[in-house]
Amino acid sequence: MKKKIKKVKKKSPPKTFFKLKKLKISLHKRLGFKSKEWTALKKYCEKRDGGKKCIKANGDCYGAMHLHHKKPLKNGGTNRPGNLAWICHVHHCLEHPFMIKMLIKQTEYK
């Protein structure tokens, strides 16, 4: 009597990239602020949201706007556009305590 051999399906490796237009964008790696990938994500999110509007203050903020990860990369977040939102510099500093020092330095008078 012959033994039946079960075929084991190979698991595909987890996705590490997604495509936006012709660019391959890393899902979990921090992207450089001047990289082609980050620039493409910023343009896509700006077009998607109808401009740069702070999500924390219903768009009433002004000044520098940042693209913020809703779920941080270190906690399993991704660079997908659904995890990115526009936020003003002040609210971004409040979201990330390490950035408060930067905010204080910018507002100090010499």
PDB file of N, CA and C in Angstrom:
ATOM      1  N   MET A   1       0.829  -1.167   0.000  1.00  0.00           N
ATOM      2  CA  MET A   1       0.000   0.000   0.000  1.00  0.00           C
ATOM      3  C   MET A   1       0.885   1.247   0.000  1.00  0.00           C
ATOM      4  N   LYS A   2       0.629   2.157  -0.920  1.00  0.00           N
ATOM      5  CA  LYS A   2       1.429   3.371  -1.041  1.00  0.00           C
ATOM      6  C   LYS A   2       0.881   4.456  -0.130  1.00  0.00           C
ATOM      7  N   LYS A   3       1.809   5.205   0.464  1.00  0.00           N
ATOM      8  CA  LYS A   3       1.400   6.336   1.298  1.00  0.00           C
ATOM      9  C   LYS A   3       1.093   7.531   0.416  1.00  0.00           C
ATOM     10  N   LYS A   4       0.028   8.233   0.777  1.00  0.00           N
ATOM     11  CA  LYS A   4      -0.305   9.449   0.044  1.00  0.00           C
ATOM     12  C   LYS A   4       0.513  10.602   0.618  1.00  0.00           C
ATOM     13  N   ILE A   5       1.136  11.329  -0.274  1.00  0.00           N
ATOM     14  CA  ILE A   5       1.947  12.473   0.148  1.00  0.00           C
ATOM     15  C   ILE A   5       1.125  13.739  -0.029  1.00  0.00           C
ATOM     16  N   LYS A   6       1.034  14.490   1.059  1.00  0.00           N
ATOM     17  CA  LYS A   6       0.294  15.747   0.995  1.00  0.00           C
ATOM     18  C   LYS A   6       1.194  16.827   0.426  1.00  0.00           C
ATOM     19  N   LYS A   7       0.629  17.590  -0.479  1.00  0.00           N
ATOM     20  CA  LYS A   7       1.377  18.718  -1.021  1.00  0.00           C
ATOM     21  C   LYS A   7       1.211  19.901  -0.082  1.00  0.00           C
ATOM     22  N   VAL A   8       2.319  20.463   0.298  1.00  0.00           N
ATOM     23  CA  VAL A   8       2.293  21.613   1.199  1.00  0.00           C
ATOM     24  C   VAL A   8       2.405  22.882   0.362  1.00  0.00           C
ATOM     25  N   LYS A   9       1.438  23.760   0.561  1.00  0.00           N
ATOM     26  CA  LYS A   9       1.482  25.027  -0.164  1.00  0.00           C
ATOM     27  C   LYS A   9       2.497  25.936   0.500  1.00  0.00           C
ATOM     28  N   LYS A  10       3.310  26.537  -0.331  1.00  0.00           N
ATOM     29  CA  LYS A  10       4.283  27.481   0.197  1.00  0.00           C
ATOM     30  C   LYS A  10       3.572  28.793   0.509  1.00  0.00           C
ATOM     31  N   LYS A  11       3.866  29.310   1.675  1.00  0.00           N
ATOM     32  CA  LYS A  11       3.291  30.596   2.039  1.00  0.00           C
ATOM     33  C   LYS A  11       4.038  31.688   1.302  1.00  0.00           C
ATOM     34  N   SER A  12       3.287  32.620   0.753  1.00  0.00           N
ATOM     35  CA  SER A  12       3.950  33.738   0.085  1.00  0.00           C
ATOM     36  C   SER A  12       4.486  34.690   1.146  1.00  0.00           C
ATOM     37  N   PRO A  13       5.618  35.298   0.876  1.00  0.00           N
ATOM     38  CA  PRO A  13       6.186  36.211   1.873  1.00  0.00           C
ATOM     39  C   PRO A  13       5.264  37.415   2.070  1.00  0.00           C
ATOM     40  N   PRO A  14       5.279  38.001   3.251  1.00  0.00           N
ATOM     41  CA  PRO A  14       4.413  39.151   3.483  1.00  0.00           C
ATOM     42  C   PRO A  14       4.796  40.301   2.558  1.00  0.00           C
ATOM     43  N   LYS A  15       3.787  41.048   2.148  1.00  0.00           N
ATOM     44  CA  LYS A  15       4.044  42.158   1.242  1.00  0.00           C
ATOM     45  C   LYS A  15       4.850  43.224   1.958  1.00  0.00           C
ATOM     46  N   THR A  16       5.844  43.721   1.278  1.00  0.00           N
ATOM     47  CA  THR A  16       6.666  44.773   1.856  1.00  0.00           C
ATOM     48  C   THR A  16       6.584  46.060   1.038  1.00  0.00           C
ATOM     49  N   PHE A  17       5.938  46.005  -0.117  1.00  0.00           N
ATOM     50  CA  PHE A  17       5.809  47.167  -0.984  1.00  0.00           C
ATOM     51  C   PHE A  17       4.385  47.275  -1.498  1.00  0.00           C
ATOM     52  N   PHE A  18       3.992  48.473  -1.908  1.00  0.00           N
ATOM     53  CA  PHE A  18       2.782  48.650  -2.694  1.00  0.00           C
ATOM     54  C   PHE A  18       3.099  49.643  -3.789  1.00  0.00           C
ATOM     55  N   LYS A  19       2.310  49.644  -4.825  1.00  0.00           N
ATOM     56  CA  LYS A  19       2.590  50.519  -5.953  1.00  0.00           C
ATOM     57  C   LYS A  19       1.681  51.740  -5.921  1.00  0.00           C
ATOM     58  N   LEU A  20       2.280  52.891  -6.163  1.00  0.00           N
ATOM     59  CA  LEU A  20       1.551  54.138  -6.330  1.00  0.00           C
ATOM     60  C   LEU A  20       2.063  54.708  -7.633  1.00  0.00           C
ATOM     61  N   LYS A  21       1.182  54.727  -8.609  1.00  0.00           N
ATOM     62  CA  LYS A  21       1.572  55.071  -9.977  1.00  0.00           C
ATOM     63  C   LYS A  21       2.655  54.100 -10.412  1.00  0.00           C
ATOM     64  N   LYS A  22       3.834  54.577 -10.768  1.00  0.00           N
ATOM     65  CA  LYS A  22       4.895  53.670 -11.219  1.00  0.00           C
ATOM     66  C   LYS A  22       5.933  53.408 -10.133  1.00  0.00           C
ATOM     67  N   LEU A  23       5.703  53.949  -8.939  1.00  0.00           N
ATOM     68  CA  LEU A  23       6.685  53.807  -7.862  1.00  0.00           C
ATOM     69  C   LEU A  23       6.339  52.645  -6.940  1.00  0.00           C
ATOM     70  N   LYS A  24       7.375  51.944  -6.501  1.00  0.00           N
ATOM     71  CA  LYS A  24       7.218  50.921  -5.468  1.00  0.00           C
ATOM     72  C   LYS A  24       7.507  51.605  -4.139  1.00  0.00           C
ATOM     73  N   ILE A  25       6.549  51.579  -3.225  1.00  0.00           N
ATOM     74  CA  ILE A  25       6.707  52.265  -1.945  1.00  0.00           C
ATOM     75  C   ILE A  25       6.756  51.242  -0.823  1.00  0.00           C
ATOM     76  N   SER A  26       7.747  51.388   0.021  1.00  0.00           N
ATOM     77  CA  SER A  26       7.914  50.478   1.154  1.00  0.00           C
ATOM     78  C   SER A  26       6.765  50.661   2.137  1.00  0.00           C
ATOM     79  N   LEU A  27       6.236  49.567   2.651  1.00  0.00           N
ATOM     80  CA  LEU A  27       5.118  49.648   3.594  1.00  0.00           C
ATOM     81  C   LEU A  27       5.556  50.073   4.986  1.00  0.00           C
ATOM     82  N   HIS A  28       6.661  49.532   5.480  1.00  0.00           N
ATOM     83  CA  HIS A  28       6.998  49.703   6.886  1.00  0.00           C
ATOM     84  C   HIS A  28       8.285  50.466   7.146  1.00  0.00           C
ATOM     85  N   LYS A  29       8.996  50.867   6.107  1.00  0.00           N
ATOM     86  CA  LYS A  29      10.242  51.596   6.320  1.00  0.00           C
ATOM     87  C   LYS A  29       9.972  53.090   6.326  1.00  0.00           C
ATOM     88  N   ARG A  30      10.750  53.806   7.126  1.00  0.00           N
ATOM     89  CA  ARG A  30      10.657  55.255   7.161  1.00  0.00           C
ATOM     90  C   ARG A  30      11.213  55.789   5.847  1.00  0.00           C
ATOM     91  N   LEU A  31      10.459  56.662   5.208  1.00  0.00           N
ATOM     92  CA  LEU A  31      10.889  57.224   3.926  1.00  0.00           C
ATOM     93  C   LEU A  31      11.539  58.584   4.153  1.00  0.00           C
ATOM     94  N   GLY A  32      12.545  58.891   3.354  1.00  0.00           N
ATOM     95  CA  GLY A  32      13.195  60.202   3.446  1.00  0.00           C
ATOM     96  C   GLY A  32      12.228  61.294   2.999  1.00  0.00           C
ATOM     97  N   PHE A  33      12.296  62.457   3.639  1.00  0.00           N
ATOM     98  CA  PHE A  33      11.331  63.517   3.350  1.00  0.00           C
ATOM     99  C   PHE A  33      11.480  64.093   1.953  1.00  0.00           C
ATOM    100  N   LYS A  34      12.635  63.919   1.343  1.00  0.00           N
ATOM    101  CA  LYS A  34      12.828  64.442  -0.004  1.00  0.00           C
ATOM    102  C   LYS A  34      12.870  63.327  -1.050  1.00  0.00           C
ATOM    103  N   SER A  35      12.501  62.123  -0.655  1.00  0.00           N
ATOM    104  CA  SER A  35      12.534  61.003  -1.599  1.00  0.00           C
ATOM    105  C   SER A  35      11.359  61.088  -2.575  1.00  0.00           C
ATOM    106  N   LYS A  36      11.522  60.435  -3.713  1.00  0.00           N
ATOM    107  CA  LYS A  36      10.465  60.417  -4.727  1.00  0.00           C
ATOM    108  C   LYS A  36       9.191  59.789  -4.172  1.00  0.00           C
ATOM    109  N   GLU A  37       9.366  58.739  -3.377  1.00  0.00           N
ATOM    110  CA  GLU A  37       8.221  58.012  -2.835  1.00  0.00           C
ATOM    111  C   GLU A  37       7.401  58.895  -1.890  1.00  0.00           C
ATOM    112  N   TRP A  38       8.094  59.595  -0.975  1.00  0.00           N
ATOM    113  CA  TRP A  38       7.394  60.437  -0.007  1.00  0.00           C
ATOM    114  C   TRP A  38       6.713  61.609  -0.709  1.00  0.00           C
ATOM    115  N   THR A  39       7.385  62.186  -1.707  1.00  0.00           N
ATOM    116  CA  THR A  39       6.807  63.288  -2.476  1.00  0.00           C
ATOM    117  C   THR A  39       5.546  62.822  -3.194  1.00  0.00           C
ATOM    118  N   ALA A  40       5.584  61.625  -3.775  1.00  0.00           N
ATOM    119  CA  ALA A  40       4.407  61.084  -4.465  1.00  0.00           C
ATOM    120  C   ALA A  40       3.255  60.859  -3.484  1.00  0.00           C
ATOM    121  N   LEU A  41       3.563  60.346  -2.281  1.00  0.00           N
ATOM    122  CA  LEU A  41       2.525  60.140  -1.264  1.00  0.00           C
ATOM    123  C   LEU A  41       1.911  61.466  -0.831  1.00  0.00           C
ATOM    124  N   LYS A  42       2.747  62.493  -0.651  1.00  0.00           N
ATOM    125  CA  LYS A  42       2.241  63.812  -0.253  1.00  0.00           C
ATOM    126  C   LYS A  42       1.301  64.382  -1.313  1.00  0.00           C
ATOM    127  N   LYS A  43       1.706  64.282  -2.576  1.00  0.00           N
ATOM    128  CA  LYS A  43       0.862  64.796  -3.662  1.00  0.00           C
ATOM    129  C   LYS A  43      -0.450  64.031  -3.727  1.00  0.00           C
ATOM    130  N   TYR A  44      -0.382  62.699  -3.582  1.00  0.00           N
ATOM    131  CA  TYR A  44      -1.588  61.880  -3.633  1.00  0.00           C
ATOM    132  C   TYR A  44      -2.553  62.261  -2.499  1.00  0.00           C
ATOM    133  N   CYS A  45      -2.019  62.386  -1.277  1.00  0.00           N
ATOM    134  CA  CYS A  45      -2.866  62.705  -0.120  1.00  0.00           C
ATOM    135  C   CYS A  45      -3.432  64.114  -0.207  1.00  0.00           C
ATOM    136  N   GLU A  46      -2.664  65.046  -0.756  1.00  0.00           N
ATOM    137  CA  GLU A  46      -3.163  66.409  -0.912  1.00  0.00           C
ATOM    138  C   GLU A  46      -4.323  66.440  -1.907  1.00  0.00           C
ATOM    139  N   LYS A  47      -4.173  65.695  -3.002  1.00  0.00           N
ATOM    140  CA  LYS A  47      -5.243  65.624  -4.005  1.00  0.00           C
ATOM    141  C   LYS A  47      -6.469  64.916  -3.432  1.00  0.00           C
ATOM    142  N   ARG A  48      -6.246  63.837  -2.685  1.00  0.00           N
ATOM    143  CA  ARG A  48      -7.333  63.063  -2.081  1.00  0.00           C
ATOM    144  C   ARG A  48      -8.150  63.904  -1.102  1.00  0.00           C
ATOM    145  N   ASP A  49      -7.448  64.714  -0.282  1.00  0.00           N
ATOM    146  CA  ASP A  49      -8.115  65.489   0.766  1.00  0.00           C
ATOM    147  C   ASP A  49      -8.575  66.865   0.308  1.00  0.00           C
ATOM    148  N   GLY A  50      -8.303  67.219  -0.923  1.00  0.00           N
ATOM    149  CA  GLY A  50      -8.714  68.529  -1.418  1.00  0.00           C
ATOM    150  C   GLY A  50      -7.870  69.656  -0.840  1.00  0.00           C
ATOM    151  N   GLY A  51      -6.605  69.398  -0.628  1.00  0.00           N
ATOM    152  CA  GLY A  51      -5.698  70.397  -0.073  1.00  0.00           C
ATOM    153  C   GLY A  51      -5.177  69.952   1.270  1.00  0.00           C
ATOM    154  N   LYS A  52      -4.273  70.761   1.802  1.00  0.00           N
ATOM    155  CA  LYS A  52      -3.671  70.446   3.099  1.00  0.00           C
ATOM    156  C   LYS A  52      -4.520  71.075   4.192  1.00  0.00           C
ATOM    157  N   LYS A  53      -5.263  70.252   4.913  1.00  0.00           N
ATOM    158  CA  LYS A  53      -6.127  70.723   5.997  1.00  0.00           C
ATOM    159  C   LYS A  53      -5.855  69.909   7.246  1.00  0.00           C
ATOM    160  N   CYS A  54      -5.676  70.592   8.364  1.00  0.00           N
ATOM    161  CA  CYS A  54      -5.383  69.911   9.623  1.00  0.00           C
ATOM    162  C   CYS A  54      -6.615  69.134  10.090  1.00  0.00           C
ATOM    163  N   ILE A  55      -6.440  67.848  10.366  1.00  0.00           N
ATOM    164  CA  ILE A  55      -7.565  67.025  10.811  1.00  0.00           C
ATOM    165  C   ILE A  55      -7.924  67.281  12.263  1.00  0.00           C
ATOM    166  N   LYS A  56      -7.019  67.905  13.026  1.00  0.00           N
ATOM    167  CA  LYS A  56      -7.264  68.138  14.450  1.00  0.00           C
ATOM    168  C   LYS A  56      -8.130  69.362  14.705  1.00  0.00           C
ATOM    169  N   ALA A  57      -8.142  70.332  13.793  1.00  0.00           N
ATOM    170  CA  ALA A  57      -8.870  71.577  14.042  1.00  0.00           C
ATOM    171  C   ALA A  57      -9.812  71.918  12.893  1.00  0.00           C
ATOM    172  N   ASN A  58     -10.334  70.914  12.234  1.00  0.00           N
ATOM    173  CA  ASN A  58     -11.284  71.108  11.143  1.00  0.00           C
ATOM    174  C   ASN A  58     -10.760  72.041  10.060  1.00  0.00           C
ATOM    175  N   GLY A  59      -9.454  72.026   9.842  1.00  0.00           N
ATOM    176  CA  GLY A  59      -8.867  72.804   8.760  1.00  0.00           C
ATOM    177  C   GLY A  59      -8.647  74.266   9.073  1.00  0.00           C
ATOM    178  N   ASP A  60      -8.824  74.704  10.330  1.00  0.00           N
ATOM    179  CA  ASP A  60      -8.658  76.109  10.671  1.00  0.00           C
ATOM    180  C   ASP A  60      -7.214  76.490  10.989  1.00  0.00           C
ATOM    181  N   CYS A  61      -6.324  75.538  11.039  1.00  0.00           N
ATOM    182  CA  CYS A  61      -4.923  75.825  11.365  1.00  0.00           C
ATOM    183  C   CYS A  61      -4.219  76.420  10.155  1.00  0.00           C
ATOM    184  N   TYR A  62      -3.119  77.071  10.429  1.00  0.00           N
ATOM    185  CA  TYR A  62      -2.317  77.625   9.356  1.00  0.00           C
ATOM    186  C   TYR A  62      -0.852  77.355   9.654  1.00  0.00           C
ATOM    187  N   GLY A  63      -0.002  77.653   8.698  1.00  0.00           N
ATOM    188  CA  GLY A  63       1.426  77.391   8.873  1.00  0.00           C
ATOM    189  C   GLY A  63       1.816  76.077   8.220  1.00  0.00           C
ATOM    190  N   ALA A  64       2.947  75.551   8.656  1.00  0.00           N
ATOM    191  CA  ALA A  64       3.483  74.329   8.062  1.00  0.00           C
ATOM    192  C   ALA A  64       2.548  73.150   8.316  1.00  0.00           C
ATOM    193  N   MET A  65       2.301  72.389   7.274  1.00  0.00           N
ATOM    194  CA  MET A  65       1.467  71.194   7.383  1.00  0.00           C
ATOM    195  C   MET A  65       2.352  69.965   7.197  1.00  0.00           C
ATOM    196  N   HIS A  66       2.076  68.940   7.994  1.00  0.00           N
ATOM    197  CA  HIS A  66       2.855  67.708   7.958  1.00  0.00           C
ATOM    198  C   HIS A  66       1.932  66.550   7.601  1.00  0.00           C
ATOM    199  N   LEU A  67       2.507  65.546   6.961  1.00  0.00           N
ATOM    200  CA  LEU A  67       1.777  64.316   6.695  1.00  0.00           C
ATOM    201  C   LEU A  67       2.067  63.380   7.866  1.00  0.00           C
ATOM    202  N   HIS A  68       1.032  63.026   8.600  1.00  0.00           N
ATOM    203  CA  HIS A  68       1.156  62.307   9.873  1.00  0.00           C
ATOM    204  C   HIS A  68       0.652  60.876   9.735  1.00  0.00           C
ATOM    205  N   HIS A  69       1.404  59.927  10.294  1.00  0.00           N
ATOM    206  CA  HIS A  69       0.951  58.534  10.340  1.00  0.00           C
ATOM    207  C   HIS A  69      -0.051  58.397  11.482  1.00  0.00           C
ATOM    208  N   LYS A  70      -1.279  57.996  11.184  1.00  0.00           N
ATOM    209  CA  LYS A  70      -2.291  57.805  12.235  1.00  0.00           C
ATOM    210  C   LYS A  70      -1.838  56.708  13.195  1.00  0.00           C
ATOM    211  N   LYS A  71      -1.394  55.599  12.641  1.00  0.00           N
ATOM    212  CA  LYS A  71      -0.805  54.519  13.448  1.00  0.00           C
ATOM    213  C   LYS A  71       0.685  54.514  13.123  1.00  0.00           C
ATOM    214  N   PRO A  72       1.541  54.818  14.097  1.00  0.00           N
ATOM    215  CA  PRO A  72       2.973  54.933  13.834  1.00  0.00           C
ATOM    216  C   PRO A  72       3.583  53.664  13.234  1.00  0.00           C
ATOM    217  N   LEU A  73       4.623  53.859  12.441  1.00  0.00           N
ATOM    218  CA  LEU A  73       5.316  52.729  11.825  1.00  0.00           C
ATOM    219  C   LEU A  73       5.851  51.764  12.881  1.00  0.00           C
ATOM    220  N   LYS A  74       6.346  52.297  13.999  1.00  0.00           N
ATOM    221  CA  LYS A  74       6.914  51.423  15.036  1.00  0.00           C
ATOM    222  C   LYS A  74       5.855  50.573  15.721  1.00  0.00           C
ATOM    223  N   ASN A  75       4.571  50.946  15.584  1.00  0.00           N
ATOM    224  CA  ASN A  75       3.485  50.166  16.180  1.00  0.00           C
ATOM    225  C   ASN A  75       2.741  49.337  15.139  1.00  0.00           C
ATOM    226  N   GLY A  76       3.362  49.138  13.979  1.00  0.00           N
ATOM    227  CA  GLY A  76       2.755  48.300  12.950  1.00  0.00           C
ATOM    228  C   GLY A  76       1.981  49.069  11.895  1.00  0.00           C
ATOM    229  N   GLY A  77       2.066  50.383  11.901  1.00  0.00           N
ATOM    230  CA  GLY A  77       1.411  51.186  10.872  1.00  0.00           C
ATOM    231  C   GLY A  77       2.133  51.050   9.541  1.00  0.00           C
ATOM    232  N   THR A  78       1.516  51.551   8.486  1.00  0.00           N
ATOM    233  CA  THR A  78       2.112  51.448   7.158  1.00  0.00           C
ATOM    234  C   THR A  78       2.197  52.831   6.507  1.00  0.00           C
ATOM    235  N   ASN A  79       2.822  52.856   5.345  1.00  0.00           N
ATOM    236  CA  ASN A  79       2.897  54.076   4.552  1.00  0.00           C
ATOM    237  C   ASN A  79       1.749  54.179   3.556  1.00  0.00           C
ATOM    238  N   ARG A  80       0.758  53.320   3.682  1.00  0.00           N
ATOM    239  CA  ARG A  80      -0.394  53.398   2.770  1.00  0.00           C
ATOM    240  C   ARG A  80      -1.134  54.710   2.997  1.00  0.00           C
ATOM    241  N   PRO A  81      -1.688  55.291   1.937  1.00  0.00           N
ATOM    242  CA  PRO A  81      -2.396  56.574   2.074  1.00  0.00           C
ATOM    243  C   PRO A  81      -3.510  56.562   3.118  1.00  0.00           C
ATOM    244  N   GLY A  82      -4.139  55.429   3.372  1.00  0.00           N
ATOM    245  CA  GLY A  82      -5.205  55.358   4.369  1.00  0.00           C
ATOM    246  C   GLY A  82      -4.710  55.588   5.795  1.00  0.00           C
ATOM    247  N   ASN A  83      -3.415  55.429   6.021  1.00  0.00           N
ATOM    248  CA  ASN A  83      -2.828  55.633   7.343  1.00  0.00           C
ATOM    249  C   ASN A  83      -2.198  57.017   7.473  1.00  0.00           C
ATOM    250  N   LEU A  84      -2.318  57.843   6.451  1.00  0.00           N
ATOM    251  CA  LEU A  84      -1.703  59.166   6.445  1.00  0.00           C
ATOM    252  C   LEU A  84      -2.762  60.256   6.466  1.00  0.00           C
ATOM    253  N   ALA A  85      -2.503  61.306   7.233  1.00  0.00           N
ATOM    254  CA  ALA A  85      -3.431  62.438   7.305  1.00  0.00           C
ATOM    255  C   ALA A  85      -2.638  63.724   7.485  1.00  0.00           C
ATOM    256  N   TRP A  86      -3.198  64.832   7.015  1.00  0.00           N
ATOM    257  CA  TRP A  86      -2.550  66.130   7.166  1.00  0.00           C
ATOM    258  C   TRP A  86      -2.806  66.670   8.562  1.00  0.00           C
ATOM    259  N   ILE A  87      -1.759  67.273   9.143  1.00  0.00           N
ATOM    260  CA  ILE A  87      -1.861  67.840  10.475  1.00  0.00           C
ATOM    261  C   ILE A  87      -0.909  69.040  10.540  1.00  0.00           C
ATOM    262  N   CYS A  88      -1.313  70.106  11.248  1.00  0.00           N
ATOM    263  CA  CYS A  88      -0.461  71.295  11.326  1.00  0.00           C
ATOM    264  C   CYS A  88       0.729  71.026  12.238  1.00  0.00           C
ATOM    265  N   HIS A  89       1.720  71.892  12.168  1.00  0.00           N
ATOM    266  CA  HIS A  89       2.960  71.701  12.930  1.00  0.00           C
ATOM    267  C   HIS A  89       2.694  71.666  14.441  1.00  0.00           C
ATOM    268  N   VAL A  90       1.854  72.562  14.942  1.00  0.00           N
ATOM    269  CA  VAL A  90       1.583  72.627  16.381  1.00  0.00           C
ATOM    270  C   VAL A  90       0.924  71.345  16.860  1.00  0.00           C
ATOM    271  N   HIS A  91      -0.119  70.889  16.170  1.00  0.00           N
ATOM    272  CA  HIS A  91      -0.794  69.654  16.574  1.00  0.00           C
ATOM    273  C   HIS A  91       0.122  68.439  16.414  1.00  0.00           C
ATOM    274  N   HIS A  92       1.012  68.472  15.411  1.00  0.00           N
ATOM    275  CA  HIS A  92       1.945  67.367  15.216  1.00  0.00           C
ATOM    276  C   HIS A  92       2.914  67.288  16.392  1.00  0.00           C
ATOM    277  N   CYS A  93       3.354  68.451  16.887  1.00  0.00           N
ATOM    278  CA  CYS A  93       4.242  68.470  18.055  1.00  0.00           C
ATOM    279  C   CYS A  93       3.523  67.941  19.290  1.00  0.00           C
ATOM    280  N   LEU A  94       2.239  68.221  19.405  1.00  0.00           N
ATOM    281  CA  LEU A  94       1.483  67.723  20.552  1.00  0.00           C
ATOM    282  C   LEU A  94       1.260  66.217  20.470  1.00  0.00           C
ATOM    283  N   GLU A  95       1.175  65.691  19.253  1.00  0.00           N
ATOM    284  CA  GLU A  95       1.023  64.240  19.055  1.00  0.00           C
ATOM    285  C   GLU A  95       2.306  63.498  19.437  1.00  0.00           C
ATOM    286  N   HIS A  96       3.448  64.119  19.152  1.00  0.00           N
ATOM    287  CA  HIS A  96       4.745  63.495  19.403  1.00  0.00           C
ATOM    288  C   HIS A  96       5.511  64.343  20.411  1.00  0.00           C
ATOM    289  N   PRO A  97       5.577  63.924  21.669  1.00  0.00           N
ATOM    290  CA  PRO A  97       6.230  64.722  22.716  1.00  0.00           C
ATOM    291  C   PRO A  97       7.673  65.122  22.399  1.00  0.00           C
ATOM    292  N   PHE A  98       8.413  64.284  21.670  1.00  0.00           N
ATOM    293  CA  PHE A  98       9.804  64.638  21.371  1.00  0.00           C
ATOM    294  C   PHE A  98       9.898  65.855  20.462  1.00  0.00           C
ATOM    295  N   MET A  99       8.807  66.194  19.781  1.00  0.00           N
ATOM    296  CA  MET A  99       8.819  67.342  18.884  1.00  0.00           C
ATOM    297  C   MET A  99       8.533  68.657  19.614  1.00  0.00           C
ATOM    298  N   ILE A 100       8.110  68.601  20.867  1.00  0.00           N
ATOM    299  CA  ILE A 100       7.784  69.818  21.614  1.00  0.00           C
ATOM    300  C   ILE A 100       9.026  70.687  21.770  1.00  0.00           C
ATOM    301  N   LYS A 101      10.197  70.068  21.960  1.00  0.00           N
ATOM    302  CA  LYS A 101      11.434  70.837  22.060  1.00  0.00           C
ATOM    303  C   LYS A 101      11.665  71.656  20.794  1.00  0.00           C
ATOM    304  N   MET A 102      11.359  71.064  19.639  1.00  0.00           N
ATOM    305  CA  MET A 102      11.515  71.787  18.381  1.00  0.00           C
ATOM    306  C   MET A 102      10.575  72.984  18.338  1.00  0.00           C
ATOM    307  N   LEU A 103       9.349  72.796  18.808  1.00  0.00           N
ATOM    308  CA  LEU A 103       8.358  73.875  18.812  1.00  0.00           C
ATOM    309  C   LEU A 103       8.808  75.006  19.729  1.00  0.00           C
ATOM    310  N   ILE A 104       9.360  74.678  20.908  1.00  0.00           N
ATOM    311  CA  ILE A 104       9.829  75.703  21.843  1.00  0.00           C
ATOM    312  C   ILE A 104      10.995  76.491  21.240  1.00  0.00           C
ATOM    313  N   LYS A 105      11.926  75.785  20.580  1.00  0.00           N
ATOM    314  CA  LYS A 105      13.058  76.469  19.958  1.00  0.00           C
ATOM    315  C   LYS A 105      12.601  77.446  18.884  1.00  0.00           C
ATOM    316  N   GLN A 106      11.569  77.071  18.125  1.00  0.00           N
ATOM    317  CA  GLN A 106      11.084  77.941  17.052  1.00  0.00           C
ATOM    318  C   GLN A 106      10.361  79.167  17.573  1.00  0.00           C
ATOM    319  N   THR A 107       9.766  79.066  18.757  1.00  0.00           N
ATOM    320  CA  THR A 107       8.977  80.188  19.273  1.00  0.00           C
ATOM    321  C   THR A 107       9.756  81.076  20.238  1.00  0.00           C
ATOM    322  N   GLU A 108      10.989  80.675  20.595  1.00  0.00           N
ATOM    323  CA  GLU A 108      11.798  81.499  21.509  1.00  0.00           C
ATOM    324  C   GLU A 108      12.258  82.773  20.801  1.00  0.00           C
ATOM    325  N   TYR A 109      12.280  83.838  21.563  1.00  0.00           N
ATOM    326  CA  TYR A 109      12.810  85.112  21.046  1.00  0.00           C
ATOM    327  C   TYR A 109      14.239  85.255  21.508  1.00  0.00           C
ATOM    328  N   LYS A 110      15.078  85.701  20.641  1.00  0.00           N
ATOM    329  CA  LYS A 110      16.494  85.860  20.992  1.00  0.00           C
ATOM    330  C   LYS A 110      16.779  87.302  21.358  1.00  0.00           C
TER     331      LYS A 110
END
